[in-house]
């Protein structure tokens, strides 16, 4: 009986793991952290977390980032 319960629990955990893997490959999402910062999920394994002032400063710099990417296209890699 114990072995069957363990098998059942293992299958349940495997199914749950598959659901989490599929959810992780979805679109970007945002959340306010406990410390009041903005975390963006979905870019990589870990969230990118910055405070409001940092996000606004980065967004103001977006044009320069795009220009840099265009100028350095040959040296930049694409992560799948």
PDB file of N, CA and C in Angstrom:
ATOM      1  N   UNK A   1       0.824  -1.192   0.000  1.00  0.00           N
ATOM      2  CA  UNK A   1       0.000   0.000   0.000  1.00  0.00           C
ATOM      3  C   UNK A   1       0.871   1.259   0.000  1.00  0.00           C
ATOM      4  N   UNK A   2       1.930   1.269   0.779  1.00  0.00           N
ATOM      5  CA  UNK A   2       2.809   2.426   0.858  1.00  0.00           C
ATOM      6  C   UNK A   2       3.477   2.690  -0.491  1.00  0.00           C
ATOM      7  N   UNK A   3       3.884   1.610  -1.151  1.00  0.00           N
ATOM      8  CA  UNK A   3       4.538   1.754  -2.455  1.00  0.00           C
ATOM      9  C   UNK A   3       3.579   2.371  -3.476  1.00  0.00           C
ATOM     10  N   UNK A   4       2.327   1.961  -3.436  1.00  0.00           N
ATOM     11  CA  UNK A   4       1.337   2.511  -4.365  1.00  0.00           C
ATOM     12  C   UNK A   4       1.084   3.989  -4.080  1.00  0.00           C
ATOM     13  N   UNK A   5       1.055   4.370  -2.808  1.00  0.00           N
ATOM     14  CA  UNK A   5       0.886   5.775  -2.436  1.00  0.00           C
ATOM     15  C   UNK A   5       2.062   6.610  -2.935  1.00  0.00           C
ATOM     16  N   UNK A   6       3.266   6.060  -2.811  1.00  0.00           N
ATOM     17  CA  UNK A   6       4.452   6.762  -3.293  1.00  0.00           C
ATOM     18  C   UNK A   6       4.420   6.946  -4.813  1.00  0.00           C
ATOM     19  N   UNK A   7       4.010   5.927  -5.522  1.00  0.00           N
ATOM     20  CA  UNK A   7       3.892   6.012  -6.978  1.00  0.00           C
ATOM     21  C   UNK A   7       2.866   7.076  -7.373  1.00  0.00           C
ATOM     22  N   UNK A   8       1.748   7.075  -6.662  1.00  0.00           N
ATOM     23  CA  UNK A   8       0.699   8.062  -6.923  1.00  0.00           C
ATOM     24  C   UNK A   8       1.211   9.481  -6.679  1.00  0.00           C
ATOM     25  N   UNK A   9       1.914   9.664  -5.587  1.00  0.00           N
ATOM     26  CA  UNK A   9       2.476  10.985  -5.260  1.00  0.00           C
ATOM     27  C   UNK A   9       3.513  11.399  -6.298  1.00  0.00           C
ATOM     28  N   UNK A  10       4.327  10.460  -6.735  1.00  0.00           N
ATOM     29  CA  UNK A  10       5.337  10.741  -7.759  1.00  0.00           C
ATOM     30  C   UNK A  10       4.681  11.186  -9.064  1.00  0.00           C
ATOM     31  N   UNK A  11       3.642  10.510  -9.477  1.00  0.00           N
ATOM     32  CA  UNK A  11       2.932  10.886 -10.710  1.00  0.00           C
ATOM     33  C   UNK A  11       2.290  12.264 -10.573  1.00  0.00           C
ATOM     34  N   UNK A  12       1.748  12.529  -9.396  1.00  0.00           N
ATOM     35  CA  UNK A  12       1.141  13.833  -9.133  1.00  0.00           C
ATOM     36  C   UNK A  12       2.198  14.936  -9.239  1.00  0.00           C
ATOM     37  N   UNK A  13       3.355  14.711  -8.660  1.00  0.00           N
ATOM     38  CA  UNK A  13       4.435  15.700  -8.704  1.00  0.00           C
ATOM     39  C   UNK A  13       4.974  15.888 -10.120  1.00  0.00           C
ATOM     40  N   UNK A  14       5.063  14.816 -10.874  1.00  0.00           N
ATOM     41  CA  UNK A  14       5.515  14.919 -12.268  1.00  0.00           C
ATOM     42  C   UNK A  14       4.544  15.759 -13.087  1.00  0.00           C
ATOM     43  N   UNK A  15       3.248  15.526 -12.898  1.00  0.00           N
ATOM     44  CA  UNK A  15       2.238  16.301 -13.620  1.00  0.00           C
ATOM     45  C   UNK A  15       2.305  17.776 -13.228  1.00  0.00           C
ATOM     46  N   UNK A  16       2.482  18.026 -11.947  1.00  0.00           N
ATOM     47  CA  UNK A  16       2.600  19.402 -11.452  1.00  0.00           C
ATOM     48  C   UNK A  16       3.839  20.083 -12.030  1.00  0.00           C
ATOM     49  N   UNK A  17       4.932  19.347 -12.123  1.00  0.00           N
ATOM     50  CA  UNK A  17       6.172  19.868 -12.683  1.00  0.00           C
ATOM     51  C   UNK A  17       5.988  20.253 -14.144  1.00  0.00           C
ATOM     52  N   UNK A  18       5.275  19.447 -14.913  1.00  0.00           N
ATOM     53  CA  UNK A  18       5.012  19.747 -16.322  1.00  0.00           C
ATOM     54  C   UNK A  18       4.191  21.024 -16.465  1.00  0.00           C
ATOM     55  N   UNK A  19       3.211  21.194 -15.599  1.00  0.00           N
ATOM     56  CA  UNK A  19       2.391  22.409 -15.626  1.00  0.00           C
ATOM     57  C   UNK A  19       3.260  23.634 -15.342  1.00  0.00           C
ATOM     58  N   UNK A  20       4.140  23.524 -14.365  1.00  0.00           N
ATOM     59  CA  UNK A  20       5.026  24.635 -14.025  1.00  0.00           C
ATOM     60  C   UNK A  20       5.988  24.950 -15.156  1.00  0.00           C
ATOM     61  N   UNK A  21       6.504  23.942 -15.836  1.00  0.00           N
ATOM     62  CA  UNK A  21       7.405  24.161 -16.959  1.00  0.00           C
ATOM     63  C   UNK A  21       6.707  24.903 -18.092  1.00  0.00           C
ATOM     64  N   UNK A  22       5.468  24.507 -18.372  1.00  0.00           N
ATOM     65  CA  UNK A  22       4.699  25.171 -19.429  1.00  0.00           C
ATOM     66  C   UNK A  22       4.386  26.608 -19.046  1.00  0.00           C
ATOM     67  N   UNK A  23       4.071  26.852 -17.793  1.00  0.00           N
ATOM     68  CA  UNK A  23       3.768  28.207 -17.325  1.00  0.00           C
ATOM     69  C   UNK A  23       5.001  29.091 -17.403  1.00  0.00           C
ATOM     70  N   UNK A  24       6.166  28.511 -17.178  1.00  0.00           N
ATOM     71  CA  UNK A  24       7.404  29.287 -17.201  1.00  0.00           C
ATOM     72  C   UNK A  24       7.760  29.767 -18.599  1.00  0.00           C
ATOM     73  N   UNK A  25       7.280  29.094 -19.627  1.00  0.00           N
ATOM     74  CA  UNK A  25       7.622  29.476 -20.991  1.00  0.00           C
ATOM     75  C   UNK A  25       6.612  30.457 -21.592  1.00  0.00           C
ATOM     76  N   UNK A  26       5.706  30.970 -20.790  1.00  0.00           N
ATOM     77  CA  UNK A  26       4.689  31.905 -21.261  1.00  0.00           C
ATOM     78  C   UNK A  26       5.244  33.304 -21.433  1.00  0.00           C
ATOM     79  N   UNK A  27       4.336  34.239 -21.563  1.00  0.00           N
ATOM     80  CA  UNK A  27       4.675  35.634 -21.765  1.00  0.00           C
ATOM     81  C   UNK A  27       5.281  36.256 -20.503  1.00  0.00           C
ATOM     82  N   UNK A  28       5.679  37.503 -20.648  1.00  0.00           N
ATOM     83  CA  UNK A  28       6.222  38.246 -19.514  1.00  0.00           C
ATOM     84  C   UNK A  28       5.117  38.579 -18.526  1.00  0.00           C
ATOM     85  N   UNK A  29       5.485  38.651 -17.263  1.00  0.00           N
ATOM     86  CA  UNK A  29       4.551  39.076 -16.228  1.00  0.00           C
ATOM     87  C   UNK A  29       5.303  39.936 -15.218  1.00  0.00           C
ATOM     88  N   UNK A  30       4.551  40.701 -14.439  1.00  0.00           N
ATOM     89  CA  UNK A  30       5.147  41.615 -13.460  1.00  0.00           C
ATOM     90  C   UNK A  30       4.518  41.411 -12.094  1.00  0.00           C
ATOM     91  N   UNK A  31       5.300  41.771 -11.078  1.00  0.00           N
ATOM     92  CA  UNK A  31       4.836  41.645  -9.701  1.00  0.00           C
ATOM     93  C   UNK A  31       5.595  42.662  -8.853  1.00  0.00           C
ATOM     94  N   UNK A  32       4.929  43.205  -7.859  1.00  0.00           N
ATOM     95  CA  UNK A  32       5.605  44.077  -6.900  1.00  0.00           C
ATOM     96  C   UNK A  32       6.201  43.189  -5.822  1.00  0.00           C
ATOM     97  N   UNK A  33       7.504  43.342  -5.585  1.00  0.00           N
ATOM     98  CA  UNK A  33       8.182  42.511  -4.589  1.00  0.00           C
ATOM     99  C   UNK A  33       7.832  42.960  -3.178  1.00  0.00           C
ATOM    100  N   UNK A  34       8.254  42.174  -2.200  1.00  0.00           N
ATOM    101  CA  UNK A  34       7.996  42.513  -0.794  1.00  0.00           C
ATOM    102  C   UNK A  34       8.651  43.835  -0.409  1.00  0.00           C
ATOM    103  N   UNK A  35       9.761  44.159  -1.077  1.00  0.00           N
ATOM    104  CA  UNK A  35      10.480  45.400  -0.760  1.00  0.00           C
ATOM    105  C   UNK A  35      10.010  46.576  -1.597  1.00  0.00           C
ATOM    106  N   UNK A  36       8.979  46.369  -2.426  1.00  0.00           N
ATOM    107  CA  UNK A  36       8.406  47.460  -3.199  1.00  0.00           C
ATOM    108  C   UNK A  36       9.066  47.691  -4.550  1.00  0.00           C
ATOM    109  N   UNK A  37       9.800  46.732  -5.041  1.00  0.00           N
ATOM    110  CA  UNK A  37      10.426  46.839  -6.359  1.00  0.00           C
ATOM    111  C   UNK A  37       9.542  46.136  -7.386  1.00  0.00           C
ATOM    112  N   UNK A  38       9.815  46.387  -8.660  1.00  0.00           N
ATOM    113  CA  UNK A  38       9.078  45.748  -9.741  1.00  0.00           C
ATOM    114  C   UNK A  38       9.901  44.598 -10.296  1.00  0.00           C
ATOM    115  N   UNK A  39       9.327  43.399 -10.263  1.00  0.00           N
ATOM    116  CA  UNK A  39       9.983  42.207 -10.799  1.00  0.00           C
ATOM    117  C   UNK A  39       9.303  41.812 -12.098  1.00  0.00           C
ATOM    118  N   UNK A  40      10.111  41.602 -13.144  1.00  0.00           N
ATOM    119  CA  UNK A  40       9.597  41.136 -14.429  1.00  0.00           C
ATOM    120  C   UNK A  40      10.010  39.676 -14.579  1.00  0.00           C
ATOM    121  N   UNK A  41       9.034  38.817 -14.799  1.00  0.00           N
ATOM    122  CA  UNK A  41       9.249  37.387 -14.948  1.00  0.00           C
ATOM    123  C   UNK A  41       9.110  36.995 -16.416  1.00  0.00           C
ATOM    124  N   UNK A  42       9.863  35.983 -16.824  1.00  0.00           N
ATOM    125  CA  UNK A  42       9.721  35.446 -18.160  1.00  0.00           C
ATOM    126  C   UNK A  42      10.867  35.758 -19.098  1.00  0.00           C
ATOM    127  N   UNK A  43      11.855  36.524 -18.650  1.00  0.00           N
ATOM    128  CA  UNK A  43      13.010  36.826 -19.487  1.00  0.00           C
ATOM    129  C   UNK A  43      14.069  35.731 -19.384  1.00  0.00           C
ATOM    130  N   UNK A  44      14.143  35.115 -18.263  1.00  0.00           N
ATOM    131  CA  UNK A  44      15.142  34.074 -18.020  1.00  0.00           C
ATOM    132  C   UNK A  44      14.724  33.247 -16.831  1.00  0.00           C
ATOM    133  N   UNK A  45      15.691  32.571 -16.268  1.00  0.00           N
ATOM    134  CA  UNK A  45      15.393  31.685 -15.143  1.00  0.00           C
ATOM    135  C   UNK A  45      14.952  32.464 -13.902  1.00  0.00           C
ATOM    136  N   UNK A  46      15.537  33.628 -13.709  1.00  0.00           N
ATOM    137  CA  UNK A  46      15.221  34.446 -12.543  1.00  0.00           C
ATOM    138  C   UNK A  46      14.570  35.750 -12.988  1.00  0.00           C
ATOM    139  N   UNK A  47      13.772  36.364 -12.123  1.00  0.00           N
ATOM    140  CA  UNK A  47      13.155  37.640 -12.495  1.00  0.00           C
ATOM    141  C   UNK A  47      14.190  38.769 -12.528  1.00  0.00           C
ATOM    142  N   UNK A  48      13.870  39.800 -13.297  1.00  0.00           N
ATOM    143  CA  UNK A  48      14.673  41.022 -13.294  1.00  0.00           C
ATOM    144  C   UNK A  48      13.936  41.978 -12.366  1.00  0.00           C
ATOM    145  N   UNK A  49      14.593  42.378 -11.282  1.00  0.00           N
ATOM    146  CA  UNK A  49      13.955  43.209 -10.264  1.00  0.00           C
ATOM    147  C   UNK A  49      14.705  44.514 -10.098  1.00  0.00           C
ATOM    148  N   UNK A  50      13.986  45.608 -10.316  1.00  0.00           N
ATOM    149  CA  UNK A  50      14.538  46.952 -10.147  1.00  0.00           C
ATOM    150  C   UNK A  50      13.492  47.818  -9.454  1.00  0.00           C
ATOM    151  N   UNK A  51      13.951  48.895  -8.823  1.00  0.00           N
ATOM    152  CA  UNK A  51      13.028  49.844  -8.231  1.00  0.00           C
ATOM    153  C   UNK A  51      12.500  50.784  -9.309  1.00  0.00           C
ATOM    154  N   UNK A  52      11.392  51.461  -8.998  1.00  0.00           N
ATOM    155  CA  UNK A  52      10.693  52.306  -9.962  1.00  0.00           C
ATOM    156  C   UNK A  52      11.631  53.270 -10.668  1.00  0.00           C
ATOM    157  N   UNK A  53      12.483  53.959  -9.919  1.00  0.00           N
ATOM    158  CA  UNK A  53      13.396  54.939 -10.530  1.00  0.00           C
ATOM    159  C   UNK A  53      14.338  54.266 -11.534  1.00  0.00           C
ATOM    160  N   UNK A  54      14.779  53.052 -11.202  1.00  0.00           N
ATOM    161  CA  UNK A  54      15.681  52.316 -12.094  1.00  0.00           C
ATOM    162  C   UNK A  54      14.974  51.911 -13.380  1.00  0.00           C
ATOM    163  N   UNK A  55      13.726  51.437 -13.277  1.00  0.00           N
ATOM    164  CA  UNK A  55      12.966  51.076 -14.476  1.00  0.00           C
ATOM    165  C   UNK A  55      12.751  52.292 -15.356  1.00  0.00           C
ATOM    166  N   UNK A  56      12.375  53.420 -14.747  1.00  0.00           N
ATOM    167  CA  UNK A  56      12.133  54.631 -15.538  1.00  0.00           C
ATOM    168  C   UNK A  56      13.410  55.105 -16.230  1.00  0.00           C
ATOM    169  N   UNK A  57      14.528  55.030 -15.541  1.00  0.00           N
ATOM    170  CA  UNK A  57      15.813  55.407 -16.136  1.00  0.00           C
ATOM    171  C   UNK A  57      16.171  54.470 -17.294  1.00  0.00           C
ATOM    172  N   UNK A  58      15.940  53.184 -17.105  1.00  0.00           N
ATOM    173  CA  UNK A  58      16.213  52.207 -18.156  1.00  0.00           C
ATOM    174  C   UNK A  58      15.307  52.433 -19.364  1.00  0.00           C
ATOM    175  N   UNK A  59      14.031  52.718 -19.123  1.00  0.00           N
ATOM    176  CA  UNK A  59      13.101  52.970 -20.222  1.00  0.00           C
ATOM    177  C   UNK A  59      13.494  54.221 -21.010  1.00  0.00           C
ATOM    178  N   UNK A  60      13.987  55.249 -20.346  1.00  0.00           N
ATOM    179  CA  UNK A  60      14.469  56.451 -21.033  1.00  0.00           C
ATOM    180  C   UNK A  60      15.671  56.132 -21.917  1.00  0.00           C
ATOM    181  N   UNK A  61      16.416  55.107 -21.571  1.00  0.00           N
ATOM    182  CA  UNK A  61      17.637  54.708 -22.270  1.00  0.00           C
ATOM    183  C   UNK A  61      17.358  53.689 -23.387  1.00  0.00           C
ATOM    184  N   UNK A  62      16.081  53.331 -23.583  1.00  0.00           N
ATOM    185  CA  UNK A  62      15.707  52.268 -24.528  1.00  0.00           C
ATOM    186  C   UNK A  62      16.213  52.538 -25.943  1.00  0.00           C
ATOM    187  N   UNK A  63      16.152  53.775 -26.400  1.00  0.00           N
ATOM    188  CA  UNK A  63      16.627  54.108 -27.745  1.00  0.00           C
ATOM    189  C   UNK A  63      18.107  53.817 -27.914  1.00  0.00           C
ATOM    190  N   UNK A  64      18.898  54.170 -26.915  1.00  0.00           N
ATOM    191  CA  UNK A  64      20.331  53.910 -26.961  1.00  0.00           C
ATOM    192  C   UNK A  64      20.623  52.414 -26.958  1.00  0.00           C
ATOM    193  N   UNK A  65      19.823  51.651 -26.201  1.00  0.00           N
ATOM    194  CA  UNK A  65      20.000  50.196 -26.167  1.00  0.00           C
ATOM    195  C   UNK A  65      19.709  49.618 -27.547  1.00  0.00           C
ATOM    196  N   UNK A  66      18.627  50.053 -28.175  1.00  0.00           N
ATOM    197  CA  UNK A  66      18.291  49.569 -29.521  1.00  0.00           C
ATOM    198  C   UNK A  66      19.391  49.910 -30.522  1.00  0.00           C
ATOM    199  N   UNK A  67      19.905  51.141 -30.453  1.00  0.00           N
ATOM    200  CA  UNK A  67      20.991  51.552 -31.355  1.00  0.00           C
ATOM    201  C   UNK A  67      22.229  50.689 -31.140  1.00  0.00           C
ATOM    202  N   UNK A  68      22.569  50.438 -29.895  1.00  0.00           N
ATOM    203  CA  UNK A  68      23.731  49.611 -29.571  1.00  0.00           C
ATOM    204  C   UNK A  68      23.561  48.204 -30.134  1.00  0.00           C
ATOM    205  N   UNK A  69      22.374  47.647 -29.958  1.00  0.00           N
ATOM    206  CA  UNK A  69      22.098  46.303 -30.485  1.00  0.00           C
ATOM    207  C   UNK A  69      22.251  46.297 -32.000  1.00  0.00           C
ATOM    208  N   UNK A  70      21.729  47.315 -32.675  1.00  0.00           N
ATOM    209  CA  UNK A  70      21.842  47.391 -34.139  1.00  0.00           C
ATOM    210  C   UNK A  70      23.294  47.468 -34.585  1.00  0.00           C
ATOM    211  N   UNK A  71      24.087  48.282 -33.899  1.00  0.00           N
ATOM    212  CA  UNK A  71      25.496  48.450 -34.273  1.00  0.00           C
ATOM    213  C   UNK A  71      26.327  47.206 -33.972  1.00  0.00           C
ATOM    214  N   UNK A  72      25.901  46.415 -33.017  1.00  0.00           N
ATOM    215  CA  UNK A  72      26.684  45.260 -32.582  1.00  0.00           C
ATOM    216  C   UNK A  72      25.998  43.929 -32.887  1.00  0.00           C
ATOM    217  N   UNK A  73      25.127  43.929 -33.867  1.00  0.00           N
ATOM    218  CA  UNK A  73      24.337  42.750 -34.221  1.00  0.00           C
ATOM    219  C   UNK A  73      25.221  41.506 -34.456  1.00  0.00           C
ATOM    220  N   UNK A  74      26.324  41.688 -35.127  1.00  0.00           N
ATOM    221  CA  UNK A  74      27.186  40.545 -35.471  1.00  0.00           C
ATOM    222  C   UNK A  74      27.794  39.872 -34.249  1.00  0.00           C
ATOM    223  N   UNK A  75      28.064  40.622 -33.206  1.00  0.00           N
ATOM    224  CA  UNK A  75      28.698  40.057 -32.033  1.00  0.00           C
ATOM    225  C   UNK A  75      27.738  39.561 -30.963  1.00  0.00           C
ATOM    226  N   UNK A  76      26.455  39.832 -31.133  1.00  0.00           N
ATOM    227  CA  UNK A  76      25.463  39.447 -30.123  1.00  0.00           C
ATOM    228  C   UNK A  76      24.840  38.099 -30.466  1.00  0.00           C
ATOM    229  N   UNK A  77      24.606  37.315 -29.449  1.00  0.00           N
ATOM    230  CA  UNK A  77      23.996  35.994 -29.622  1.00  0.00           C
ATOM    231  C   UNK A  77      22.516  36.051 -29.269  1.00  0.00           C
ATOM    232  N   UNK A  78      21.769  35.114 -29.812  1.00  0.00           N
ATOM    233  CA  UNK A  78      20.348  34.991 -29.517  1.00  0.00           C
ATOM    234  C   UNK A  78      20.149  33.754 -28.663  1.00  0.00           C
ATOM    235  N   UNK A  79      19.482  33.926 -27.531  1.00  0.00           N
ATOM    236  CA  UNK A  79      19.214  32.791 -26.642  1.00  0.00           C
ATOM    237  C   UNK A  79      17.814  32.273 -26.937  1.00  0.00           C
ATOM    238  N   UNK A  80      17.717  30.979 -27.166  1.00  0.00           N
ATOM    239  CA  UNK A  80      16.402  30.363 -27.430  1.00  0.00           C
ATOM    240  C   UNK A  80      15.837  29.751 -26.200  1.00  0.00           C
TER     241      UNK A  80
END
